[in-house]
Structures are given as structure tokens and as C-alpha cells.
Amino acid sequence: FQCGICTPGQIVAAKALLDSNPSPSEDEIREWMVGNLCRCTG
């Protein structure tokens, strides 16, 4: 994260995932995080 605009969304998504599944697989993490776009790098 460079500019910080997307950081709250990333944190909320990660918290929701870990609340529903304390030990997610890599595929589950990708599925939960795919909707959180970080536009500061391009």
C-alpha cells in the first residue's frame, strides 16, 4: 500500500475472513481479497 486509500478495506476484509475462518487456505484468502483493489500502483 502506498497511498493508504485502500488500507481500511483490506483490513476489514481480512478481519471478516479471519472471524469466519481462523485458518483460511491461500485460495480462500485470494477469494476474499480479490474485490479490494489498490489503485495507487498503477
PDB file of N, CA and C in Angstrom:
ATOM      1  N   PHE A   1       0.852  -1.180   0.000  1.00  0.00           N
ATOM      2  CA  PHE A   1       0.000   0.000   0.000  1.00  0.00           C
ATOM      3  C   PHE A   1       0.893   1.237   0.000  1.00  0.00           C
ATOM      4  N   GLN A   2       0.625   2.123  -0.910  1.00  0.00           N
ATOM      5  CA  GLN A   2       1.430   3.335  -0.974  1.00  0.00           C
ATOM      6  C   GLN A   2       0.672   4.543  -0.445  1.00  0.00           C
ATOM      7  N   CYS A   3      -0.526   4.768  -0.959  1.00  0.00           N
ATOM      8  CA  CYS A   3      -1.233   5.995  -0.577  1.00  0.00           C
ATOM      9  C   CYS A   3      -2.127   5.810   0.648  1.00  0.00           C
ATOM     10  N   GLY A   4      -2.552   4.589   0.927  1.00  0.00           N
ATOM     11  CA  GLY A   4      -3.352   4.317   2.113  1.00  0.00           C
ATOM     12  C   GLY A   4      -4.855   4.362   1.918  1.00  0.00           C
ATOM     13  N   ILE A   5      -5.325   4.733   0.729  1.00  0.00           N
ATOM     14  CA  ILE A   5      -6.768   4.820   0.491  1.00  0.00           C
ATOM     15  C   ILE A   5      -7.438   3.449   0.642  1.00  0.00           C
ATOM     16  N   CYS A   6      -6.789   2.399   0.162  1.00  0.00           N
ATOM     17  CA  CYS A   6      -7.402   1.067   0.171  1.00  0.00           C
ATOM     18  C   CYS A   6      -7.180   0.313   1.488  1.00  0.00           C
ATOM     19  N   THR A   7      -6.317   0.805   2.347  1.00  0.00           N
ATOM     20  CA  THR A   7      -5.940   0.081   3.560  1.00  0.00           C
ATOM     21  C   THR A   7      -7.123  -0.293   4.453  1.00  0.00           C
ATOM     22  N   PRO A   8      -8.069   0.617   4.743  1.00  0.00           N
ATOM     23  CA  PRO A   8      -9.195   0.221   5.593  1.00  0.00           C
ATOM     24  C   PRO A   8     -10.000  -0.943   5.014  1.00  0.00           C
ATOM     25  N   GLY A   9     -10.222  -0.926   3.712  1.00  0.00           N
ATOM     26  CA  GLY A   9     -10.955  -2.022   3.074  1.00  0.00           C
ATOM     27  C   GLY A   9     -10.214  -3.338   3.168  1.00  0.00           C
ATOM     28  N   GLN A  10      -8.905  -3.294   3.008  1.00  0.00           N
ATOM     29  CA  GLN A  10      -8.091  -4.505   3.122  1.00  0.00           C
ATOM     30  C   GLN A  10      -8.173  -5.074   4.544  1.00  0.00           C
ATOM     31  N   ILE A  11      -8.088  -4.203   5.524  1.00  0.00           N
ATOM     32  CA  ILE A  11      -8.129  -4.634   6.925  1.00  0.00           C
ATOM     33  C   ILE A  11      -9.491  -5.215   7.280  1.00  0.00           C
ATOM     34  N   VAL A  12     -10.561  -4.545   6.865  1.00  0.00           N
ATOM     35  CA  VAL A  12     -11.915  -5.026   7.164  1.00  0.00           C
ATOM     36  C   VAL A  12     -12.156  -6.380   6.503  1.00  0.00           C
ATOM     37  N   ALA A  13     -11.730  -6.539   5.258  1.00  0.00           N
ATOM     38  CA  ALA A  13     -11.909  -7.816   4.568  1.00  0.00           C
ATOM     39  C   ALA A  13     -11.126  -8.928   5.263  1.00  0.00           C
ATOM     40  N   ALA A  14      -9.886  -8.643   5.643  1.00  0.00           N
ATOM     41  CA  ALA A  14      -9.073  -9.648   6.325  1.00  0.00           C
ATOM     42  C   ALA A  14      -9.679 -10.023   7.677  1.00  0.00           C
ATOM     43  N   LYS A  15     -10.170  -9.040   8.413  1.00  0.00           N
ATOM     44  CA  LYS A  15     -10.802  -9.305   9.721  1.00  0.00           C
ATOM     45  C   LYS A  15     -12.044 -10.161   9.554  1.00  0.00           C
ATOM     46  N   ALA A  16     -12.870  -9.845   8.556  1.00  0.00           N
ATOM     47  CA  ALA A  16     -14.090 -10.625   8.315  1.00  0.00           C
ATOM     48  C   ALA A  16     -13.745 -12.064   7.948  1.00  0.00           C
ATOM     49  N   LEU A  17     -12.735 -12.235   7.122  1.00  0.00           N
ATOM     50  CA  LEU A  17     -12.312 -13.585   6.751  1.00  0.00           C
ATOM     51  C   LEU A  17     -11.852 -14.355   7.978  1.00  0.00           C
ATOM     52  N   LEU A  18     -10.989 -13.753   8.781  1.00  0.00           N
ATOM     53  CA  LEU A  18     -10.464 -14.452   9.952  1.00  0.00           C
ATOM     54  C   LEU A  18     -11.525 -14.692  11.015  1.00  0.00           C
ATOM     55  N   ASP A  19     -12.532 -13.823  11.086  1.00  0.00           N
ATOM     56  CA  ASP A  19     -13.649 -14.066  12.007  1.00  0.00           C
ATOM     57  C   ASP A  19     -14.452 -15.287  11.577  1.00  0.00           C
ATOM     58  N   SER A  20     -14.619 -15.457  10.268  1.00  0.00           N
ATOM     59  CA  SER A  20     -15.417 -16.580   9.778  1.00  0.00           C
ATOM     60  C   SER A  20     -14.596 -17.857   9.626  1.00  0.00           C
ATOM     61  N   ASN A  21     -13.280 -17.713   9.479  1.00  0.00           N
ATOM     62  CA  ASN A  21     -12.413 -18.871   9.294  1.00  0.00           C
ATOM     63  C   ASN A  21     -11.020 -18.527   9.828  1.00  0.00           C
ATOM     64  N   PRO A  22     -10.707 -18.928  11.043  1.00  0.00           N
ATOM     65  CA  PRO A  22      -9.424 -18.567  11.653  1.00  0.00           C
ATOM     66  C   PRO A  22      -8.191 -19.141  10.945  1.00  0.00           C
ATOM     67  N   SER A  23      -8.387 -20.126  10.080  1.00  0.00           N
ATOM     68  CA  SER A  23      -7.252 -20.738   9.386  1.00  0.00           C
ATOM     69  C   SER A  23      -7.580 -20.918   7.902  1.00  0.00           C
ATOM     70  N   PRO A  24      -7.698 -19.818   7.157  1.00  0.00           N
ATOM     71  CA  PRO A  24      -8.091 -19.923   5.749  1.00  0.00           C
ATOM     72  C   PRO A  24      -6.958 -20.455   4.868  1.00  0.00           C
ATOM     73  N   SER A  25      -7.362 -21.098   3.783  1.00  0.00           N
ATOM     74  CA  SER A  25      -6.377 -21.544   2.796  1.00  0.00           C
ATOM     75  C   SER A  25      -5.955 -20.348   1.940  1.00  0.00           C
ATOM     76  N   GLU A  26      -4.912 -20.518   1.173  1.00  0.00           N
ATOM     77  CA  GLU A  26      -4.457 -19.438   0.293  1.00  0.00           C
ATOM     78  C   GLU A  26      -5.543 -19.076  -0.725  1.00  0.00           C
ATOM     79  N   ASP A  27      -6.258 -20.079  -1.235  1.00  0.00           N
ATOM     80  CA  ASP A  27      -7.346 -19.818  -2.186  1.00  0.00           C
ATOM     81  C   ASP A  27      -8.472 -19.017  -1.541  1.00  0.00           C
ATOM     82  N   GLU A  28      -8.811 -19.338  -0.299  1.00  0.00           N
ATOM     83  CA  GLU A  28      -9.857 -18.583   0.405  1.00  0.00           C
ATOM     84  C   GLU A  28      -9.429 -17.133   0.634  1.00  0.00           C
ATOM     85  N   ILE A  29      -8.184 -16.929   0.962  1.00  0.00           N
ATOM     86  CA  ILE A  29      -7.679 -15.562   1.152  1.00  0.00           C
ATOM     87  C   ILE A  29      -7.794 -14.783  -0.148  1.00  0.00           C
ATOM     88  N   ARG A  30      -7.365 -15.389  -1.243  1.00  0.00           N
ATOM     89  CA  ARG A  30      -7.458 -14.718  -2.548  1.00  0.00           C
ATOM     90  C   ARG A  30      -8.907 -14.384  -2.885  1.00  0.00           C
ATOM     91  N   GLU A  31      -9.820 -15.323  -2.624  1.00  0.00           N
ATOM     92  CA  GLU A  31     -11.241 -15.111  -2.921  1.00  0.00           C
ATOM     93  C   GLU A  31     -11.798 -13.929  -2.127  1.00  0.00           C
ATOM     94  N   TRP A  32     -11.440 -13.811  -0.867  1.00  0.00           N
ATOM     95  CA  TRP A  32     -11.938 -12.728  -0.015  1.00  0.00           C
ATOM     96  C   TRP A  32     -11.331 -11.384  -0.375  1.00  0.00           C
ATOM     97  N   MET A  33     -10.079 -11.383  -0.829  1.00  0.00           N
ATOM     98  CA  MET A  33      -9.372 -10.125  -1.054  1.00  0.00           C
ATOM     99  C   MET A  33      -9.470  -9.603  -2.485  1.00  0.00           C
ATOM    100  N   VAL A  34      -9.981 -10.407  -3.405  1.00  0.00           N
ATOM    101  CA  VAL A  34      -9.990 -10.033  -4.819  1.00  0.00           C
ATOM    102  C   VAL A  34     -10.780  -8.750  -5.096  1.00  0.00           C
ATOM    103  N   GLY A  35     -11.779  -8.450  -4.313  1.00  0.00           N
ATOM    104  CA  GLY A  35     -12.592  -7.265  -4.547  1.00  0.00           C
ATOM    105  C   GLY A  35     -11.987  -5.970  -4.040  1.00  0.00           C
ATOM    106  N   ASN A  36     -10.901  -6.057  -3.316  1.00  0.00           N
ATOM    107  CA  ASN A  36     -10.256  -4.863  -2.756  1.00  0.00           C
ATOM    108  C   ASN A  36      -9.111  -4.425  -3.655  1.00  0.00           C
ATOM    109  N   LEU A  37      -9.393  -3.469  -4.503  1.00  0.00           N
ATOM    110  CA  LEU A  37      -8.400  -3.020  -5.471  1.00  0.00           C
ATOM    111  C   LEU A  37      -7.555  -1.886  -4.912  1.00  0.00           C
ATOM    112  N   CYS A  38      -6.273  -1.992  -5.144  1.00  0.00           N
ATOM    113  CA  CYS A  38      -5.345  -0.935  -4.777  1.00  0.00           C
ATOM    114  C   CYS A  38      -4.921  -0.255  -6.068  1.00  0.00           C
ATOM    115  N   ARG A  39      -5.288   0.982  -6.231  1.00  0.00           N
ATOM    116  CA  ARG A  39      -5.025   1.685  -7.486  1.00  0.00           C
ATOM    117  C   ARG A  39      -3.805   2.607  -7.414  1.00  0.00           C
ATOM    118  N   CYS A  40      -3.131   2.661  -6.304  1.00  0.00           N
ATOM    119  CA  CYS A  40      -2.027   3.615  -6.178  1.00  0.00           C
ATOM    120  C   CYS A  40      -0.763   3.156  -6.897  1.00  0.00           C
ATOM    121  N   THR A  41      -0.715   1.916  -7.346  1.00  0.00           N
ATOM    122  CA  THR A  41       0.495   1.439  -8.020  1.00  0.00           C
ATOM    123  C   THR A  41       0.347   1.386  -9.532  1.00  0.00           C
ATOM    124  N   GLY A  42      -0.729   1.875 -10.055  1.00  0.00           N
ATOM    125  CA  GLY A  42      -0.805   1.846 -11.500  1.00  0.00           C
ATOM    126  C   GLY A  42      -2.152   2.038 -12.009  1.00  0.00           C
TER     127      GLY A  42
END
